[in-house]
Amino acid sequence: MSSVDFSEFQKAIEAFAAALAAPKNDLSRDASIQRFEFCIELSWKLAKKTMGSTSGSAKTVIREMAQDKLVDDTEKWLEFVDLRNLTAHTYREALAEEVYEKCKIFLPMVQELLKRLKERSV
């Protein structure tokens, strides 16, 4: 397997954490959601590459990530993918608030994924 570059994923997670750490207002909420979307996409695509998966869908790769012990809570990760799909196609204030709250749960999980992916690639 070729070497995997984690720098883009690391930067995306750091930007996501910074957005969540900002005082909450509409702008920081929306920035957090956008960065959440980036992190979800990078998560499964980088894991797919790291695992050498040939699966084409995020949900299938998430299940493979769980089988490979890269993530612990498959249902939460599948929920995050669903939320990402909703936020990418719809804007509703109530949905934005819900996703913003879920972002706080997602951050430590995506940080742990990065750690596990790096450990696996050594």
N, C-alpha and C. Protein backbone atom coordinates (compact mmCIF):
# COMPACT_ATOMS: atom_id res chain seq x y z
N MET A 1 0.85 -1.19 0.00
CA MET A 1 0.00 0.00 0.00
C MET A 1 0.88 1.24 0.00
N SER A 2 0.50 2.24 -0.79
CA SER A 2 1.27 3.47 -0.83
C SER A 2 1.02 4.29 0.43
N SER A 3 1.93 5.19 0.69
CA SER A 3 1.84 6.04 1.86
C SER A 3 0.63 6.97 1.75
N VAL A 4 -0.04 7.20 2.86
CA VAL A 4 -1.21 8.07 2.88
C VAL A 4 -0.81 9.37 3.57
N ASP A 5 -1.17 10.50 2.95
CA ASP A 5 -0.88 11.81 3.51
C ASP A 5 -2.08 12.26 4.36
N PHE A 6 -1.82 12.45 5.64
CA PHE A 6 -2.88 12.83 6.57
C PHE A 6 -2.98 14.33 6.80
N SER A 7 -2.12 15.11 6.16
CA SER A 7 -2.04 16.55 6.47
C SER A 7 -3.33 17.30 6.16
N GLU A 8 -3.99 17.00 5.05
CA GLU A 8 -5.23 17.69 4.71
C GLU A 8 -6.32 17.37 5.74
N PHE A 9 -6.39 16.12 6.14
CA PHE A 9 -7.37 15.70 7.14
C PHE A 9 -7.07 16.37 8.49
N GLN A 10 -5.81 16.40 8.87
CA GLN A 10 -5.40 17.06 10.12
C GLN A 10 -5.81 18.54 10.11
N LYS A 11 -5.56 19.23 9.01
CA LYS A 11 -5.92 20.65 8.90
C LYS A 11 -7.43 20.84 8.96
N ALA A 12 -8.17 19.95 8.32
CA ALA A 12 -9.63 20.05 8.33
C ALA A 12 -10.16 19.88 9.76
N ILE A 13 -9.60 18.94 10.50
CA ILE A 13 -10.03 18.71 11.89
C ILE A 13 -9.68 19.92 12.75
N GLU A 14 -8.50 20.48 12.56
CA GLU A 14 -8.10 21.66 13.33
C GLU A 14 -9.02 22.85 13.02
N ALA A 15 -9.37 23.04 11.76
CA ALA A 15 -10.29 24.12 11.38
C ALA A 15 -11.68 23.89 11.97
N PHE A 16 -12.10 22.64 11.97
CA PHE A 16 -13.39 22.27 12.57
C PHE A 16 -13.38 22.57 14.07
N ALA A 17 -12.33 22.19 14.75
CA ALA A 17 -12.21 22.45 16.19
C ALA A 17 -12.21 23.95 16.47
N ALA A 18 -11.53 24.72 15.63
CA ALA A 18 -11.48 26.17 15.81
C ALA A 18 -12.86 26.80 15.65
N ALA A 19 -13.60 26.33 14.66
CA ALA A 19 -14.96 26.85 14.44
C ALA A 19 -15.85 26.54 15.64
N LEU A 20 -15.74 25.33 16.16
CA LEU A 20 -16.55 24.96 17.33
C LEU A 20 -16.14 25.73 18.59
N ALA A 21 -14.87 26.11 18.67
CA ALA A 21 -14.38 26.83 19.85
C ALA A 21 -14.76 28.31 19.83
N ALA A 22 -15.14 28.82 18.68
CA ALA A 22 -15.52 30.23 18.57
C ALA A 22 -16.83 30.48 19.31
N PRO A 23 -17.01 31.69 19.83
CA PRO A 23 -18.31 32.01 20.46
C PRO A 23 -19.44 31.75 19.47
N LYS A 24 -20.50 31.12 19.97
CA LYS A 24 -21.58 30.69 19.07
C LYS A 24 -22.41 31.87 18.58
N ASN A 25 -22.51 31.94 17.28
CA ASN A 25 -23.44 32.83 16.59
C ASN A 25 -23.77 32.15 15.27
N ASP A 26 -24.58 32.77 14.45
CA ASP A 26 -24.97 32.13 13.19
C ASP A 26 -23.76 31.82 12.31
N LEU A 27 -22.79 32.72 12.28
CA LEU A 27 -21.62 32.53 11.44
C LEU A 27 -20.75 31.37 11.91
N SER A 28 -20.46 31.31 13.21
CA SER A 28 -19.62 30.22 13.72
C SER A 28 -20.35 28.89 13.65
N ARG A 29 -21.67 28.91 13.84
CA ARG A 29 -22.46 27.68 13.70
C ARG A 29 -22.38 27.15 12.28
N ASP A 30 -22.59 28.05 11.32
CA ASP A 30 -22.57 27.64 9.92
C ASP A 30 -21.17 27.20 9.49
N ALA A 31 -20.15 27.88 9.99
CA ALA A 31 -18.77 27.47 9.69
C ALA A 31 -18.49 26.08 10.28
N SER A 32 -18.97 25.84 11.47
CA SER A 32 -18.79 24.52 12.09
C SER A 32 -19.44 23.43 11.26
N ILE A 33 -20.64 23.71 10.77
CA ILE A 33 -21.36 22.73 9.96
C ILE A 33 -20.62 22.47 8.65
N GLN A 34 -20.14 23.51 8.01
CA GLN A 34 -19.40 23.34 6.76
C GLN A 34 -18.14 22.51 7.00
N ARG A 35 -17.45 22.79 8.07
CA ARG A 35 -16.22 22.05 8.38
C ARG A 35 -16.53 20.62 8.80
N PHE A 36 -17.66 20.41 9.44
CA PHE A 36 -18.15 19.07 9.75
C PHE A 36 -18.32 18.28 8.46
N GLU A 37 -18.94 18.92 7.46
CA GLU A 37 -19.15 18.26 6.17
C GLU A 37 -17.81 17.85 5.55
N PHE A 38 -16.83 18.75 5.58
CA PHE A 38 -15.50 18.42 5.04
C PHE A 38 -14.91 17.23 5.78
N CYS A 39 -15.01 17.25 7.10
CA CYS A 39 -14.41 16.19 7.91
C CYS A 39 -15.07 14.84 7.66
N ILE A 40 -16.37 14.83 7.51
CA ILE A 40 -17.07 13.57 7.21
C ILE A 40 -16.55 13.00 5.89
N GLU A 41 -16.51 13.83 4.87
CA GLU A 41 -16.06 13.37 3.55
C GLU A 41 -14.62 12.86 3.60
N LEU A 42 -13.75 13.63 4.22
CA LEU A 42 -12.35 13.21 4.32
C LEU A 42 -12.20 11.95 5.16
N SER A 43 -13.03 11.81 6.19
CA SER A 43 -12.94 10.65 7.08
C SER A 43 -13.09 9.35 6.32
N TRP A 44 -14.20 9.23 5.63
CA TRP A 44 -14.45 7.94 4.98
C TRP A 44 -13.57 7.73 3.76
N LYS A 45 -13.25 8.82 3.06
CA LYS A 45 -12.41 8.66 1.87
C LYS A 45 -10.97 8.32 2.25
N LEU A 46 -10.46 8.92 3.32
CA LEU A 46 -9.11 8.60 3.76
C LEU A 46 -9.05 7.20 4.37
N ALA A 47 -10.09 6.83 5.12
CA ALA A 47 -10.15 5.48 5.68
C ALA A 47 -10.22 4.45 4.56
N LYS A 48 -11.00 4.74 3.54
CA LYS A 48 -11.12 3.85 2.38
C LYS A 48 -9.75 3.61 1.76
N LYS A 49 -9.01 4.69 1.59
CA LYS A 49 -7.67 4.59 1.00
C LYS A 49 -6.73 3.82 1.92
N THR A 50 -6.77 4.12 3.20
CA THR A 50 -5.90 3.47 4.17
C THR A 50 -6.18 1.97 4.25
N MET A 51 -7.46 1.61 4.21
CA MET A 51 -7.85 0.20 4.31
C MET A 51 -7.70 -0.54 2.98
N GLY A 52 -7.55 0.20 1.90
CA GLY A 52 -7.49 -0.43 0.58
C GLY A 52 -8.86 -0.91 0.12
N SER A 53 -9.90 -0.27 0.61
CA SER A 53 -11.27 -0.65 0.28
C SER A 53 -11.61 -0.29 -1.17
N THR A 54 -12.49 -1.07 -1.76
CA THR A 54 -12.99 -0.75 -3.10
C THR A 54 -14.44 -0.29 -3.05
N SER A 55 -14.99 -0.17 -1.86
CA SER A 55 -16.38 0.27 -1.70
C SER A 55 -16.53 1.71 -2.18
N GLY A 56 -17.72 2.01 -2.70
CA GLY A 56 -17.95 3.33 -3.23
C GLY A 56 -18.84 4.23 -2.41
N SER A 57 -19.48 3.70 -1.39
CA SER A 57 -20.40 4.53 -0.61
C SER A 57 -19.86 4.77 0.79
N ALA A 58 -20.19 5.93 1.30
CA ALA A 58 -19.74 6.31 2.64
C ALA A 58 -20.22 5.32 3.69
N LYS A 59 -21.47 4.92 3.61
CA LYS A 59 -22.01 4.02 4.64
C LYS A 59 -21.35 2.65 4.62
N THR A 60 -21.05 2.15 3.45
CA THR A 60 -20.35 0.86 3.37
C THR A 60 -18.95 0.98 3.95
N VAL A 61 -18.27 2.06 3.62
CA VAL A 61 -16.92 2.26 4.17
C VAL A 61 -16.98 2.43 5.68
N ILE A 62 -17.98 3.13 6.19
CA ILE A 62 -18.14 3.29 7.65
C ILE A 62 -18.26 1.92 8.31
N ARG A 63 -19.04 1.05 7.73
CA ARG A 63 -19.19 -0.31 8.29
C ARG A 63 -17.86 -1.06 8.24
N GLU A 64 -17.11 -0.89 7.17
CA GLU A 64 -15.78 -1.51 7.08
C GLU A 64 -14.83 -0.91 8.12
N MET A 65 -14.96 0.40 8.36
CA MET A 65 -14.14 1.05 9.38
C MET A 65 -14.40 0.43 10.75
N ALA A 66 -15.66 0.14 11.03
CA ALA A 66 -16.02 -0.49 12.31
C ALA A 66 -15.44 -1.90 12.39
N GLN A 67 -15.53 -2.66 11.30
CA GLN A 67 -14.97 -4.01 11.29
C GLN A 67 -13.46 -3.98 11.51
N ASP A 68 -12.81 -2.94 10.99
CA ASP A 68 -11.37 -2.80 11.13
C ASP A 68 -10.96 -2.07 12.42
N LYS A 69 -11.94 -1.83 13.29
CA LYS A 69 -11.69 -1.19 14.59
C LYS A 69 -11.15 0.24 14.47
N LEU A 70 -11.51 0.92 13.39
CA LEU A 70 -11.12 2.32 13.24
C LEU A 70 -12.12 3.24 13.94
N VAL A 71 -13.36 2.78 14.03
CA VAL A 71 -14.40 3.53 14.76
C VAL A 71 -15.12 2.56 15.69
N ASP A 72 -15.64 3.10 16.78
CA ASP A 72 -16.30 2.26 17.77
C ASP A 72 -17.83 2.28 17.64
N ASP A 73 -18.41 3.41 17.31
CA ASP A 73 -19.86 3.56 17.31
C ASP A 73 -20.37 3.71 15.87
N THR A 74 -20.61 2.59 15.23
CA THR A 74 -21.05 2.59 13.83
C THR A 74 -22.32 3.40 13.64
N GLU A 75 -23.27 3.23 14.54
CA GLU A 75 -24.55 3.93 14.39
C GLU A 75 -24.38 5.44 14.43
N LYS A 76 -23.52 5.94 15.31
CA LYS A 76 -23.25 7.38 15.37
C LYS A 76 -22.63 7.86 14.06
N TRP A 77 -21.66 7.11 13.55
CA TRP A 77 -21.00 7.50 12.30
C TRP A 77 -22.00 7.50 11.14
N LEU A 78 -22.88 6.52 11.10
CA LEU A 78 -23.91 6.48 10.05
C LEU A 78 -24.85 7.67 10.19
N GLU A 79 -25.17 8.03 11.42
CA GLU A 79 -26.00 9.21 11.67
C GLU A 79 -25.29 10.48 11.18
N PHE A 80 -24.00 10.59 11.42
CA PHE A 80 -23.24 11.75 10.95
C PHE A 80 -23.28 11.84 9.42
N VAL A 81 -23.17 10.72 8.74
CA VAL A 81 -23.24 10.72 7.28
C VAL A 81 -24.63 11.20 6.83
N ASP A 82 -25.67 10.72 7.49
CA ASP A 82 -27.03 11.17 7.17
C ASP A 82 -27.18 12.67 7.38
N LEU A 83 -26.65 13.18 8.50
CA LEU A 83 -26.73 14.61 8.78
C LEU A 83 -25.97 15.41 7.73
N ARG A 84 -24.82 14.90 7.34
CA ARG A 84 -24.03 15.57 6.30
C ARG A 84 -24.82 15.64 5.01
N ASN A 85 -25.50 14.56 4.65
CA ASN A 85 -26.31 14.55 3.43
C ASN A 85 -27.46 15.56 3.51
N LEU A 86 -28.06 15.68 4.68
CA LEU A 86 -29.14 16.65 4.86
C LEU A 86 -28.63 18.07 4.76
N THR A 87 -27.53 18.36 5.43
CA THR A 87 -27.03 19.74 5.44
C THR A 87 -26.50 20.17 4.08
N ALA A 88 -26.06 19.23 3.28
CA ALA A 88 -25.53 19.57 1.96
C ALA A 88 -26.65 19.95 0.98
N HIS A 89 -27.89 19.54 1.29
CA HIS A 89 -28.98 19.74 0.34
C HIS A 89 -30.14 20.59 0.87
N THR A 90 -30.12 20.90 2.14
CA THR A 90 -31.24 21.61 2.76
C THR A 90 -30.71 22.62 3.75
N TYR A 91 -31.37 23.77 3.86
CA TYR A 91 -31.03 24.67 4.95
C TYR A 91 -32.31 25.00 5.70
N ARG A 92 -32.30 24.57 6.95
CA ARG A 92 -33.38 24.91 7.89
C ARG A 92 -32.70 25.27 9.20
N GLU A 93 -33.20 26.28 9.83
CA GLU A 93 -32.61 26.75 11.10
C GLU A 93 -32.59 25.64 12.15
N ALA A 94 -33.68 24.91 12.30
CA ALA A 94 -33.74 23.84 13.30
C ALA A 94 -32.72 22.75 12.99
N LEU A 95 -32.57 22.41 11.72
CA LEU A 95 -31.58 21.40 11.33
C LEU A 95 -30.17 21.90 11.63
N ALA A 96 -29.92 23.18 11.34
CA ALA A 96 -28.59 23.75 11.61
C ALA A 96 -28.27 23.65 13.10
N GLU A 97 -29.23 23.94 13.94
CA GLU A 97 -29.01 23.85 15.39
C GLU A 97 -28.74 22.41 15.82
N GLU A 98 -29.50 21.48 15.27
CA GLU A 98 -29.31 20.06 15.60
C GLU A 98 -27.92 19.59 15.19
N VAL A 99 -27.53 19.92 13.98
CA VAL A 99 -26.22 19.48 13.48
C VAL A 99 -25.10 20.13 14.27
N TYR A 100 -25.26 21.40 14.61
CA TYR A 100 -24.24 22.08 15.40
C TYR A 100 -24.01 21.34 16.73
N GLU A 101 -25.07 20.93 17.37
CA GLU A 101 -24.94 20.18 18.63
C GLU A 101 -24.26 18.83 18.40
N LYS A 102 -24.58 18.17 17.31
CA LYS A 102 -23.96 16.88 16.99
C LYS A 102 -22.48 17.05 16.65
N CYS A 103 -22.12 18.22 16.14
CA CYS A 103 -20.71 18.50 15.82
C CYS A 103 -19.83 18.35 17.06
N LYS A 104 -20.36 18.73 18.20
CA LYS A 104 -19.61 18.65 19.45
C LYS A 104 -19.32 17.19 19.82
N ILE A 105 -20.21 16.30 19.43
CA ILE A 105 -20.02 14.86 19.67
C ILE A 105 -19.05 14.29 18.63
N PHE A 106 -19.15 14.79 17.41
CA PHE A 106 -18.33 14.28 16.31
C PHE A 106 -16.85 14.64 16.46
N LEU A 107 -16.55 15.82 16.98
CA LEU A 107 -15.15 16.26 17.03
C LEU A 107 -14.22 15.26 17.70
N PRO A 108 -14.47 14.81 18.93
CA PRO A 108 -13.54 13.84 19.52
C PRO A 108 -13.51 12.51 18.78
N MET A 109 -14.61 12.16 18.14
CA MET A 109 -14.64 10.90 17.39
C MET A 109 -13.77 10.98 16.14
N VAL A 110 -13.81 12.11 15.46
CA VAL A 110 -13.00 12.25 14.25
C VAL A 110 -11.52 12.43 14.62
N GLN A 111 -11.25 13.05 15.76
CA GLN A 111 -9.86 13.15 16.24
C GLN A 111 -9.30 11.76 16.55
N GLU A 112 -10.12 10.92 17.14
CA GLU A 112 -9.70 9.54 17.44
C GLU A 112 -9.49 8.75 16.16
N LEU A 113 -10.34 8.96 15.17
CA LEU A 113 -10.16 8.28 13.89
C LEU A 113 -8.81 8.65 13.28
N LEU A 114 -8.47 9.92 13.28
CA LEU A 114 -7.19 10.35 12.73
C LEU A 114 -6.04 9.65 13.45
N LYS A 115 -6.12 9.58 14.75
CA LYS A 115 -5.08 8.91 15.54
C LYS A 115 -4.95 7.44 15.12
N ARG A 116 -6.09 6.75 15.00
CA ARG A 116 -6.07 5.33 14.64
C ARG A 116 -5.57 5.11 13.22
N LEU A 117 -5.94 5.99 12.32
CA LEU A 117 -5.47 5.87 10.95
C LEU A 117 -3.96 6.06 10.87
N LYS A 118 -3.46 7.03 11.60
CA LYS A 118 -2.01 7.27 11.62
C LYS A 118 -1.27 6.07 12.21
N GLU A 119 -1.80 5.52 13.30
CA GLU A 119 -1.17 4.35 13.92
C GLU A 119 -1.13 3.18 12.95
N ARG A 120 -2.19 3.00 12.19
CA ARG A 120 -2.28 1.88 11.26
C ARG A 120 -1.30 2.04 10.10
N SER A 121 -1.02 3.26 9.71
CA SER A 121 -0.19 3.48 8.53
C SER A 121 1.31 3.43 8.83
N VAL A 122 1.67 3.33 10.11
CA VAL A 122 3.10 3.31 10.48
C VAL A 122 3.72 1.98 10.12
